[in-house]
Amino acid sequence: MYFSTATGAMSRADMSDLVAASAARNAARGVTGMLAYNGRNFCQILEGEEETVTDLVSVIRADQRHAGFKVLGQKEISDRRFEDWSLRMVDALDFSEAVQAMDA
């Protein structure tokens, strides 16, 4: 799970485009997860093979649409929590649901 701050305003259309493109790439990689955005900050949980997720995190970290990238947690899981989501957008005023998902 990571947290970051948007470097500029992102409209709903911008977010829809981002999620659609990312979901397609994630599906091809066998990655699942969720992305929460509260109008300023991102919080994302990614699930998949460790090497694949590590490589993807490197790509995401380099994206100029956000800054202050911080990994909040990383752990091995036996069952995916978001197995049906190659990437799903979750509107969030706070990220308590994402944090709870990481703790589960």
PDB file of N, CA and C in Angstrom:
ATOM      1  N   MET A   1       0.849  -1.164   0.000  1.00  0.00           N
ATOM      2  CA  MET A   1       0.000   0.000   0.000  1.00  0.00           C
ATOM      3  C   MET A   1       0.894   1.226   0.000  1.00  0.00           C
ATOM      4  N   TYR A   2       0.516   2.207  -0.804  1.00  0.00           N
ATOM      5  CA  TYR A   2       1.266   3.463  -0.799  1.00  0.00           C
ATOM      6  C   TYR A   2       0.320   4.642  -0.685  1.00  0.00           C
ATOM      7  N   PHE A   3       0.890   5.778  -0.344  1.00  0.00           N
ATOM      8  CA  PHE A   3       0.190   7.050  -0.207  1.00  0.00           C
ATOM      9  C   PHE A   3       1.005   8.082  -0.966  1.00  0.00           C
ATOM     10  N   SER A   4       0.332   8.999  -1.661  1.00  0.00           N
ATOM     11  CA  SER A   4       1.023  10.092  -2.340  1.00  0.00           C
ATOM     12  C   SER A   4       0.066  11.268  -2.490  1.00  0.00           C
ATOM     13  N   THR A   5       0.607  12.397  -2.941  1.00  0.00           N
ATOM     14  CA  THR A   5      -0.171  13.619  -3.113  1.00  0.00           C
ATOM     15  C   THR A   5      -0.140  14.035  -4.579  1.00  0.00           C
ATOM     16  N   ALA A   6      -1.308  14.345  -5.126  1.00  0.00           N
ATOM     17  CA  ALA A   6      -1.403  14.784  -6.520  1.00  0.00           C
ATOM     18  C   ALA A   6      -0.624  16.081  -6.706  1.00  0.00           C
ATOM     19  N   THR A   7       0.085  16.203  -7.821  1.00  0.00           N
ATOM     20  CA  THR A   7       0.845  17.419  -8.103  1.00  0.00           C
ATOM     21  C   THR A   7      -0.013  18.470  -8.802  1.00  0.00           C
ATOM     22  N   GLY A   8      -1.175  18.082  -9.272  1.00  0.00           N
ATOM     23  CA  GLY A   8      -2.100  19.011  -9.917  1.00  0.00           C
ATOM     24  C   GLY A   8      -3.515  18.498  -9.771  1.00  0.00           C
ATOM     25  N   ALA A   9      -4.461  19.317 -10.174  1.00  0.00           N
ATOM     26  CA  ALA A   9      -5.866  18.917 -10.085  1.00  0.00           C
ATOM     27  C   ALA A   9      -6.144  17.762 -11.038  1.00  0.00           C
ATOM     28  N   MET A  10      -6.923  16.801 -10.576  1.00  0.00           N
ATOM     29  CA  MET A  10      -7.327  15.665 -11.403  1.00  0.00           C
ATOM     30  C   MET A  10      -8.850  15.610 -11.399  1.00  0.00           C
ATOM     31  N   SER A  11      -9.431  15.796 -12.575  1.00  0.00           N
ATOM     32  CA  SER A  11     -10.888  15.757 -12.705  1.00  0.00           C
ATOM     33  C   SER A  11     -11.376  14.308 -12.663  1.00  0.00           C
ATOM     34  N   ARG A  12     -12.685  14.147 -12.577  1.00  0.00           N
ATOM     35  CA  ARG A  12     -13.253  12.795 -12.630  1.00  0.00           C
ATOM     36  C   ARG A  12     -12.879  12.120 -13.951  1.00  0.00           C
ATOM     37  N   ALA A  13     -12.896  12.883 -15.040  1.00  0.00           N
ATOM     38  CA  ALA A  13     -12.526  12.325 -16.346  1.00  0.00           C
ATOM     39  C   ALA A  13     -11.065  11.892 -16.347  1.00  0.00           C
ATOM     40  N   ASP A  14     -10.180  12.708 -15.762  1.00  0.00           N
ATOM     41  CA  ASP A  14      -8.765  12.338 -15.652  1.00  0.00           C
ATOM     42  C   ASP A  14      -8.617  11.035 -14.883  1.00  0.00           C
ATOM     43  N   MET A  15      -9.329  10.937 -13.760  1.00  0.00           N
ATOM     44  CA  MET A  15      -9.244   9.737 -12.926  1.00  0.00           C
ATOM     45  C   MET A  15      -9.814   8.523 -13.650  1.00  0.00           C
ATOM     46  N   SER A  16     -10.910   8.704 -14.370  1.00  0.00           N
ATOM     47  CA  SER A  16     -11.498   7.599 -15.136  1.00  0.00           C
ATOM     48  C   SER A  16     -10.527   7.092 -16.186  1.00  0.00           C
ATOM     49  N   ASP A  17      -9.866   8.009 -16.884  1.00  0.00           N
ATOM     50  CA  ASP A  17      -8.870   7.628 -17.890  1.00  0.00           C
ATOM     51  C   ASP A  17      -7.703   6.889 -17.250  1.00  0.00           C
ATOM     52  N   LEU A  18      -7.216   7.405 -16.125  1.00  0.00           N
ATOM     53  CA  LEU A  18      -6.105   6.778 -15.410  1.00  0.00           C
ATOM     54  C   LEU A  18      -6.471   5.364 -14.979  1.00  0.00           C
ATOM     55  N   VAL A  19      -7.645   5.210 -14.391  1.00  0.00           N
ATOM     56  CA  VAL A  19      -8.072   3.899 -13.899  1.00  0.00           C
ATOM     57  C   VAL A  19      -8.276   2.922 -15.057  1.00  0.00           C
ATOM     58  N   ALA A  20      -8.889   3.360 -16.146  1.00  0.00           N
ATOM     59  CA  ALA A  20      -9.123   2.474 -17.290  1.00  0.00           C
ATOM     60  C   ALA A  20      -7.809   1.968 -17.878  1.00  0.00           C
ATOM     61  N   ALA A  21      -6.857   2.864 -18.081  1.00  0.00           N
ATOM     62  CA  ALA A  21      -5.562   2.466 -18.643  1.00  0.00           C
ATOM     63  C   ALA A  21      -4.810   1.556 -17.677  1.00  0.00           C
ATOM     64  N   SER A  22      -4.824   1.900 -16.405  1.00  0.00           N
ATOM     65  CA  SER A  22      -4.111   1.109 -15.400  1.00  0.00           C
ATOM     66  C   SER A  22      -4.749  -0.260 -15.222  1.00  0.00           C
ATOM     67  N   ALA A  23      -6.075  -0.323 -15.248  1.00  0.00           N
ATOM     68  CA  ALA A  23      -6.770  -1.604 -15.091  1.00  0.00           C
ATOM     69  C   ALA A  23      -6.397  -2.562 -16.218  1.00  0.00           C
ATOM     70  N   ALA A  24      -6.306  -2.055 -17.439  1.00  0.00           N
ATOM     71  CA  ALA A  24      -5.934  -2.901 -18.575  1.00  0.00           C
ATOM     72  C   ALA A  24      -4.510  -3.431 -18.414  1.00  0.00           C
ATOM     73  N   ARG A  25      -3.596  -2.558 -18.014  1.00  0.00           N
ATOM     74  CA  ARG A  25      -2.205  -2.994 -17.812  1.00  0.00           C
ATOM     75  C   ARG A  25      -2.107  -3.970 -16.643  1.00  0.00           C
ATOM     76  N   ASN A  26      -2.837  -3.695 -15.564  1.00  0.00           N
ATOM     77  CA  ASN A  26      -2.805  -4.585 -14.406  1.00  0.00           C
ATOM     78  C   ASN A  26      -3.340  -5.968 -14.755  1.00  0.00           C
ATOM     79  N   ALA A  27      -4.434  -6.020 -15.513  1.00  0.00           N
ATOM     80  CA  ALA A  27      -5.010  -7.307 -15.909  1.00  0.00           C
ATOM     81  C   ALA A  27      -3.995  -8.127 -16.698  1.00  0.00           C
ATOM     82  N   ALA A  28      -3.261  -7.480 -17.590  1.00  0.00           N
ATOM     83  CA  ALA A  28      -2.241  -8.179 -18.378  1.00  0.00           C
ATOM     84  C   ALA A  28      -1.105  -8.704 -17.506  1.00  0.00           C
ATOM     85  N   ARG A  29      -0.842  -8.045 -16.388  1.00  0.00           N
ATOM     86  CA  ARG A  29       0.230  -8.446 -15.467  1.00  0.00           C
ATOM     87  C   ARG A  29      -0.252  -9.393 -14.367  1.00  0.00           C
ATOM     88  N   GLY A  30      -1.552  -9.607 -14.260  1.00  0.00           N
ATOM     89  CA  GLY A  30      -2.083 -10.424 -13.179  1.00  0.00           C
ATOM     90  C   GLY A  30      -2.112  -9.696 -11.847  1.00  0.00           C
ATOM     91  N   VAL A  31      -2.214  -8.364 -11.902  1.00  0.00           N
ATOM     92  CA  VAL A  31      -2.232  -7.535 -10.693  1.00  0.00           C
ATOM     93  C   VAL A  31      -3.669  -7.105 -10.414  1.00  0.00           C
ATOM     94  N   THR A  32      -4.049  -7.125  -9.144  1.00  0.00           N
ATOM     95  CA  THR A  32      -5.357  -6.640  -8.715  1.00  0.00           C
ATOM     96  C   THR A  32      -5.157  -5.563  -7.659  1.00  0.00           C
ATOM     97  N   GLY A  33      -6.221  -4.799  -7.373  1.00  0.00           N
ATOM     98  CA  GLY A  33      -6.096  -3.800  -6.321  1.00  0.00           C
ATOM     99  C   GLY A  33      -7.126  -2.702  -6.409  1.00  0.00           C
ATOM    100  N   MET A  34      -6.934  -1.716  -5.544  1.00  0.00           N
ATOM    101  CA  MET A  34      -7.835  -0.575  -5.490  1.00  0.00           C
ATOM    102  C   MET A  34      -7.041   0.711  -5.371  1.00  0.00           C
ATOM    103  N   LEU A  35      -7.648   1.789  -5.872  1.00  0.00           N
ATOM    104  CA  LEU A  35      -7.053   3.117  -5.802  1.00  0.00           C
ATOM    105  C   LEU A  35      -8.073   4.054  -5.176  1.00  0.00           C
ATOM    106  N   ALA A  36      -7.714   4.675  -4.073  1.00  0.00           N
ATOM    107  CA  ALA A  36      -8.574   5.665  -3.422  1.00  0.00           C
ATOM    108  C   ALA A  36      -8.003   7.047  -3.713  1.00  0.00           C
ATOM    109  N   TYR A  37      -8.895   7.993  -3.968  1.00  0.00           N
ATOM    110  CA  TYR A  37      -8.492   9.367  -4.255  1.00  0.00           C
ATOM    111  C   TYR A  37      -9.490  10.294  -3.584  1.00  0.00           C
ATOM    112  N   ASN A  38      -8.992  11.252  -2.827  1.00  0.00           N
ATOM    113  CA  ASN A  38      -9.881  12.158  -2.097  1.00  0.00           C
ATOM    114  C   ASN A  38      -9.860  13.587  -2.641  1.00  0.00           C
ATOM    115  N   GLY A  39      -9.360  13.743  -3.873  1.00  0.00           N
ATOM    116  CA  GLY A  39      -9.276  15.069  -4.470  1.00  0.00           C
ATOM    117  C   GLY A  39      -7.914  15.708  -4.291  1.00  0.00           C
ATOM    118  N   ARG A  40      -7.100  15.107  -3.458  1.00  0.00           N
ATOM    119  CA  ARG A  40      -5.742  15.603  -3.208  1.00  0.00           C
ATOM    120  C   ARG A  40      -4.728  14.468  -3.073  1.00  0.00           C
ATOM    121  N   ASN A  41      -5.100  13.423  -2.383  1.00  0.00           N
ATOM    122  CA  ASN A  41      -4.179  12.323  -2.088  1.00  0.00           C
ATOM    123  C   ASN A  41      -4.644  11.014  -2.705  1.00  0.00           C
ATOM    124  N   PHE A  42      -3.661  10.184  -3.002  1.00  0.00           N
ATOM    125  CA  PHE A  42      -3.908   8.835  -3.497  1.00  0.00           C
ATOM    126  C   PHE A  42      -3.502   7.836  -2.423  1.00  0.00           C
ATOM    127  N   CYS A  43      -4.218   6.739  -2.374  1.00  0.00           N
ATOM    128  CA  CYS A  43      -3.829   5.598  -1.562  1.00  0.00           C
ATOM    129  C   CYS A  43      -4.162   4.378  -2.412  1.00  0.00           C
ATOM    130  N   GLN A  44      -3.180   3.513  -2.634  1.00  0.00           N
ATOM    131  CA  GLN A  44      -3.410   2.370  -3.506  1.00  0.00           C
ATOM    132  C   GLN A  44      -2.899   1.100  -2.855  1.00  0.00           C
ATOM    133  N   ILE A  45      -3.673   0.036  -3.044  1.00  0.00           N
ATOM    134  CA  ILE A  45      -3.268  -1.305  -2.636  1.00  0.00           C
ATOM    135  C   ILE A  45      -3.138  -2.125  -3.906  1.00  0.00           C
ATOM    136  N   LEU A  46      -2.021  -2.813  -4.052  1.00  0.00           N
ATOM    137  CA  LEU A  46      -1.760  -3.676  -5.199  1.00  0.00           C
ATOM    138  C   LEU A  46      -1.540  -5.098  -4.710  1.00  0.00           C
ATOM    139  N   GLU A  47      -2.067  -6.071  -5.460  1.00  0.00           N
ATOM    140  CA  GLU A  47      -1.897  -7.482  -5.133  1.00  0.00           C
ATOM    141  C   GLU A  47      -1.365  -8.206  -6.360  1.00  0.00           C
ATOM    142  N   GLY A  48      -0.450  -9.130  -6.138  1.00  0.00           N
ATOM    143  CA  GLY A  48       0.089  -9.919  -7.233  1.00  0.00           C
ATOM    144  C   GLY A  48       1.409 -10.530  -6.841  1.00  0.00           C
ATOM    145  N   GLU A  49       2.077 -11.114  -7.824  1.00  0.00           N
ATOM    146  CA  GLU A  49       3.394 -11.693  -7.580  1.00  0.00           C
ATOM    147  C   GLU A  49       4.341 -10.588  -7.116  1.00  0.00           C
ATOM    148  N   GLU A  50       5.175 -10.903  -6.147  1.00  0.00           N
ATOM    149  CA  GLU A  50       6.024  -9.883  -5.520  1.00  0.00           C
ATOM    150  C   GLU A  50       6.865  -9.109  -6.530  1.00  0.00           C
ATOM    151  N   GLU A  51       7.530  -9.807  -7.431  1.00  0.00           N
ATOM    152  CA  GLU A  51       8.395  -9.128  -8.404  1.00  0.00           C
ATOM    153  C   GLU A  51       7.577  -8.221  -9.328  1.00  0.00           C
ATOM    154  N   THR A  52       6.419  -8.697  -9.741  1.00  0.00           N
ATOM    155  CA  THR A  52       5.550  -7.907 -10.617  1.00  0.00           C
ATOM    156  C   THR A  52       5.084  -6.638  -9.916  1.00  0.00           C
ATOM    157  N   VAL A  53       4.648  -6.774  -8.664  1.00  0.00           N
ATOM    158  CA  VAL A  53       4.182  -5.612  -7.903  1.00  0.00           C
ATOM    159  C   VAL A  53       5.333  -4.649  -7.643  1.00  0.00           C
ATOM    160  N   THR A  54       6.505  -5.168  -7.315  1.00  0.00           N
ATOM    161  CA  THR A  54       7.678  -4.319  -7.076  1.00  0.00           C
ATOM    162  C   THR A  54       8.022  -3.509  -8.325  1.00  0.00           C
ATOM    163  N   ASP A  55       8.002  -4.167  -9.486  1.00  0.00           N
ATOM    164  CA  ASP A  55       8.271  -3.462 -10.746  1.00  0.00           C
ATOM    165  C   ASP A  55       7.214  -2.392 -11.016  1.00  0.00           C
ATOM    166  N   LEU A  56       5.950  -2.722 -10.759  1.00  0.00           N
ATOM    167  CA  LEU A  56       4.866  -1.772 -10.980  1.00  0.00           C
ATOM    168  C   LEU A  56       4.976  -0.576 -10.040  1.00  0.00           C
ATOM    169  N   VAL A  57       5.326  -0.814  -8.799  1.00  0.00           N
ATOM    170  CA  VAL A  57       5.502   0.282  -7.841  1.00  0.00           C
ATOM    171  C   VAL A  57       6.594   1.235  -8.323  1.00  0.00           C
ATOM    172  N   SER A  58       7.657   0.711  -8.913  1.00  0.00           N
ATOM    173  CA  SER A  58       8.724   1.568  -9.454  1.00  0.00           C
ATOM    174  C   SER A  58       8.194   2.474 -10.561  1.00  0.00           C
ATOM    175  N   VAL A  59       7.344   1.929 -11.413  1.00  0.00           N
ATOM    176  CA  VAL A  59       6.741   2.722 -12.493  1.00  0.00           C
ATOM    177  C   VAL A  59       5.817   3.790 -11.905  1.00  0.00           C
ATOM    178  N   ILE A  60       4.985   3.399 -10.956  1.00  0.00           N
ATOM    179  CA  ILE A  60       4.041   4.337 -10.332  1.00  0.00           C
ATOM    180  C   ILE A  60       4.792   5.443  -9.596  1.00  0.00           C
ATOM    181  N   ARG A  61       5.832   5.070  -8.885  1.00  0.00           N
ATOM    182  CA  ARG A  61       6.624   6.051  -8.122  1.00  0.00           C
ATOM    183  C   ARG A  61       7.180   7.147  -9.036  1.00  0.00           C
ATOM    184  N   ALA A  62       7.541   6.803 -10.265  1.00  0.00           N
ATOM    185  CA  ALA A  62       8.143   7.757 -11.206  1.00  0.00           C
ATOM    186  C   ALA A  62       7.111   8.655 -11.896  1.00  0.00           C
ATOM    187  N   ASP A  63       5.831   8.359 -11.749  1.00  0.00           N
ATOM    188  CA  ASP A  63       4.770   9.130 -12.400  1.00  0.00           C
ATOM    189  C   ASP A  63       4.754  10.555 -11.843  1.00  0.00           C
ATOM    190  N   GLN A  64       4.816  11.538 -12.728  1.00  0.00           N
ATOM    191  CA  GLN A  64       4.892  12.945 -12.333  1.00  0.00           C
ATOM    192  C   GLN A  64       3.556  13.533 -11.870  1.00  0.00           C
ATOM    193  N   ARG A  65       2.488  12.753 -11.948  1.00  0.00           N
ATOM    194  CA  ARG A  65       1.181  13.259 -11.503  1.00  0.00           C
ATOM    195  C   ARG A  65       1.028  13.251  -9.988  1.00  0.00           C
ATOM    196  N   HIS A  66       2.036  12.716  -9.300  1.00  0.00           N
ATOM    197  CA  HIS A  66       1.983  12.729  -7.838  1.00  0.00           C
ATOM    198  C   HIS A  66       3.382  12.855  -7.263  1.00  0.00           C
ATOM    199  N   ALA A  67       3.440  13.222  -5.983  1.00  0.00           N
ATOM    200  CA  ALA A  67       4.716  13.401  -5.275  1.00  0.00           C
ATOM    201  C   ALA A  67       4.529  12.903  -3.845  1.00  0.00           C
ATOM    202  N   GLY A  68       5.621  12.866  -3.103  1.00  0.00           N
ATOM    203  CA  GLY A  68       5.545  12.431  -1.715  1.00  0.00           C
ATOM    204  C   GLY A  68       5.180  10.970  -1.589  1.00  0.00           C
ATOM    205  N   PHE A  69       5.605  10.171  -2.552  1.00  0.00           N
ATOM    206  CA  PHE A  69       5.280   8.740  -2.583  1.00  0.00           C
ATOM    207  C   PHE A  69       5.858   8.054  -1.351  1.00  0.00           C
ATOM    208  N   LYS A  70       5.005   7.385  -0.607  1.00  0.00           N
ATOM    209  CA  LYS A  70       5.461   6.683   0.591  1.00  0.00           C
ATOM    210  C   LYS A  70       4.768   5.332   0.684  1.00  0.00           C
ATOM    211  N   VAL A  71       5.569   4.272   0.769  1.00  0.00           N
ATOM    212  CA  VAL A  71       5.018   2.934   0.978  1.00  0.00           C
ATOM    213  C   VAL A  71       4.621   2.834   2.445  1.00  0.00           C
ATOM    214  N   LEU A  72       3.343   2.542   2.686  1.00  0.00           N
ATOM    215  CA  LEU A  72       2.826   2.444   4.048  1.00  0.00           C
ATOM    216  C   LEU A  72       2.893   1.023   4.584  1.00  0.00           C
ATOM    217  N   GLY A  73       2.909   0.068   3.694  1.00  0.00           N
ATOM    218  CA  GLY A  73       2.961  -1.318   4.139  1.00  0.00           C
ATOM    219  C   GLY A  73       3.113  -2.258   2.970  1.00  0.00           C
ATOM    220  N   GLN A  74       3.693  -3.393   3.264  1.00  0.00           N
ATOM    221  CA  GLN A  74       3.871  -4.433   2.264  1.00  0.00           C
ATOM    222  C   GLN A  74       3.865  -5.747   3.012  1.00  0.00           C
ATOM    223  N   LYS A  75       3.041  -6.690   2.545  1.00  0.00           N
ATOM    224  CA  LYS A  75       3.016  -7.989   3.202  1.00  0.00           C
ATOM    225  C   LYS A  75       2.584  -9.060   2.217  1.00  0.00           C
ATOM    226  N   GLU A  76       2.991 -10.269   2.508  1.00  0.00           N
ATOM    227  CA  GLU A  76       2.592 -11.413   1.712  1.00  0.00           C
ATOM    228  C   GLU A  76       1.178 -11.806   2.123  1.00  0.00           C
ATOM    229  N   ILE A  77       0.364 -12.171   1.137  1.00  0.00           N
ATOM    230  CA  ILE A  77      -1.004 -12.587   1.419  1.00  0.00           C
ATOM    231  C   ILE A  77      -1.260 -13.961   0.812  1.00  0.00           C
ATOM    232  N   SER A  78      -2.181 -14.697   1.408  1.00  0.00           N
ATOM    233  CA  SER A  78      -2.527 -16.007   0.855  1.00  0.00           C
ATOM    234  C   SER A  78      -3.737 -15.904  -0.078  1.00  0.00           C
ATOM    235  N   ASP A  79      -4.631 -14.970   0.207  1.00  0.00           N
ATOM    236  CA  ASP A  79      -5.814 -14.755  -0.627  1.00  0.00           C
ATOM    237  C   ASP A  79      -5.922 -13.278  -0.982  1.00  0.00           C
ATOM    238  N   ARG A  80      -6.289 -13.022  -2.222  1.00  0.00           N
ATOM    239  CA  ARG A  80      -6.450 -11.638  -2.662  1.00  0.00           C
ATOM    240  C   ARG A  80      -7.750 -11.055  -2.124  1.00  0.00           C
ATOM    241  N   ARG A  81      -7.670  -9.848  -1.678  1.00  0.00           N
ATOM    242  CA  ARG A  81      -8.855  -9.142  -1.187  1.00  0.00           C
ATOM    243  C   ARG A  81      -9.629  -8.507  -2.349  1.00  0.00           C
ATOM    244  N   PHE A  82      -8.927  -8.178  -3.435  1.00  0.00           N
ATOM    245  CA  PHE A  82      -9.533  -7.499  -4.581  1.00  0.00           C
ATOM    246  C   PHE A  82      -9.420  -8.359  -5.836  1.00  0.00           C
ATOM    247  N   GLU A  83      -9.640  -9.662  -5.700  1.00  0.00           N
ATOM    248  CA  GLU A  83      -9.375 -10.594  -6.791  1.00  0.00           C
ATOM    249  C   GLU A  83     -10.168 -10.317  -8.066  1.00  0.00           C
ATOM    250  N   ASP A  84     -11.302  -9.656  -7.960  1.00  0.00           N
ATOM    251  CA  ASP A  84     -12.110  -9.359  -9.143  1.00  0.00           C
ATOM    252  C   ASP A  84     -11.853  -7.968  -9.712  1.00  0.00           C
ATOM    253  N   TRP A  85     -10.927  -7.227  -9.130  1.00  0.00           N
ATOM    254  CA  TRP A  85     -10.640  -5.856  -9.550  1.00  0.00           C
ATOM    255  C   TRP A  85      -9.223  -5.759 -10.107  1.00  0.00           C
ATOM    256  N   SER A  86      -9.058  -5.597 -11.431  1.00  0.00           N
ATOM    257  CA  SER A  86      -7.710  -5.323 -11.943  1.00  0.00           C
ATOM    258  C   SER A  86      -7.274  -3.949 -11.453  1.00  0.00           C
ATOM    259  N   LEU A  87      -8.219  -3.047 -11.310  1.00  0.00           N
ATOM    260  CA  LEU A  87      -8.045  -1.788 -10.572  1.00  0.00           C
ATOM    261  C   LEU A  87      -9.415  -1.147 -10.459  1.00  0.00           C
ATOM    262  N   ARG A  88      -9.791  -0.811  -9.270  1.00  0.00           N
ATOM    263  CA  ARG A  88     -11.075  -0.150  -9.025  1.00  0.00           C
ATOM    264  C   ARG A  88     -10.814   1.143  -8.286  1.00  0.00           C
ATOM    265  N   MET A  89     -11.489   2.190  -8.717  1.00  0.00           N
ATOM    266  CA  MET A  89     -11.393   3.501  -8.084  1.00  0.00           C
ATOM    267  C   MET A  89     -12.385   3.577  -6.939  1.00  0.00           C
ATOM    268  N   VAL A  90     -11.919   4.072  -5.814  1.00  0.00           N
ATOM    269  CA  VAL A  90     -12.763   4.254  -4.639  1.00  0.00           C
ATOM    270  C   VAL A  90     -12.658   5.711  -4.226  1.00  0.00           C
ATOM    271  N   ASP A  91     -13.788   6.422  -4.211  1.00  0.00           N
ATOM    272  CA  ASP A  91     -13.782   7.797  -3.704  1.00  0.00           C
ATOM    273  C   ASP A  91     -13.601   7.731  -2.198  1.00  0.00           C
ATOM    274  N   ALA A  92     -12.804   8.629  -1.662  1.00  0.00           N
ATOM    275  CA  ALA A  92     -12.534   8.572  -0.225  1.00  0.00           C
ATOM    276  C   ALA A  92     -12.287   9.960   0.333  1.00  0.00           C
ATOM    277  N   LEU A  93     -12.930  10.259   1.431  1.00  0.00           N
ATOM    278  CA  LEU A  93     -12.597  11.472   2.170  1.00  0.00           C
ATOM    279  C   LEU A  93     -11.417  11.190   3.082  1.00  0.00           C
ATOM    280  N   ASP A  94     -11.347   9.980   3.565  1.00  0.00           N
ATOM    281  CA  ASP A  94     -10.179   9.529   4.314  1.00  0.00           C
ATOM    282  C   ASP A  94      -9.869   8.122   3.816  1.00  0.00           C
ATOM    283  N   PHE A  95      -8.799   7.573   4.273  1.00  0.00           N
ATOM    284  CA  PHE A  95      -8.366   6.286   3.741  1.00  0.00           C
ATOM    285  C   PHE A  95      -8.505   5.158   4.751  1.00  0.00           C
ATOM    286  N   SER A  96      -9.447   5.290   5.673  1.00  0.00           N
ATOM    287  CA  SER A  96      -9.590   4.280   6.716  1.00  0.00           C
ATOM    288  C   SER A  96      -9.933   2.913   6.140  1.00  0.00           C
ATOM    289  N   GLU A  97     -10.765   2.856   5.082  1.00  0.00           N
ATOM    290  CA  GLU A  97     -11.101   1.568   4.483  1.00  0.00           C
ATOM    291  C   GLU A  97      -9.879   0.918   3.856  1.00  0.00           C
ATOM    292  N   ALA A  98      -9.034   1.697   3.213  1.00  0.00           N
ATOM    293  CA  ALA A  98      -7.823   1.144   2.615  1.00  0.00           C
ATOM    294  C   ALA A  98      -6.887   0.612   3.685  1.00  0.00           C
ATOM    295  N   VAL A  99      -6.747   1.348   4.764  1.00  0.00           N
ATOM    296  CA  VAL A  99      -5.881   0.910   5.862  1.00  0.00           C
ATOM    297  C   VAL A  99      -6.441  -0.359   6.488  1.00  0.00           C
ATOM    298  N   GLN A 100      -7.755  -0.433   6.677  1.00  0.00           N
ATOM    299  CA  GLN A 100      -8.367  -1.639   7.223  1.00  0.00           C
ATOM    300  C   GLN A 100      -8.148  -2.825   6.298  1.00  0.00           C
ATOM    301  N   ALA A 101      -8.213  -2.610   4.987  1.00  0.00           N
ATOM    302  CA  ALA A 101      -7.983  -3.691   4.032  1.00  0.00           C
ATOM    303  C   ALA A 101      -6.560  -4.213   4.143  1.00  0.00           C
ATOM    304  N   MET A 102      -5.615  -3.333   4.357  1.00  0.00           N
ATOM    305  CA  MET A 102      -4.221  -3.746   4.501  1.00  0.00           C
ATOM    306  C   MET A 102      -4.030  -4.546   5.779  1.00  0.00           C
ATOM    307  N   ASP A 103      -4.763  -4.204   6.824  1.00  0.00           N
ATOM    308  CA  ASP A 103      -4.638  -4.894   8.106  1.00  0.00           C
ATOM    309  C   ASP A 103      -5.323  -6.252   8.112  1.00  0.00           C
ATOM    310  N   ALA A 104      -6.245  -6.482   7.175  1.00  0.00           N
ATOM    311  CA  ALA A 104      -7.012  -7.737   7.162  1.00  0.00           C
ATOM    312  C   ALA A 104      -6.145  -8.923   6.796  1.00  0.00           C
TER     313      ALA A 104
END
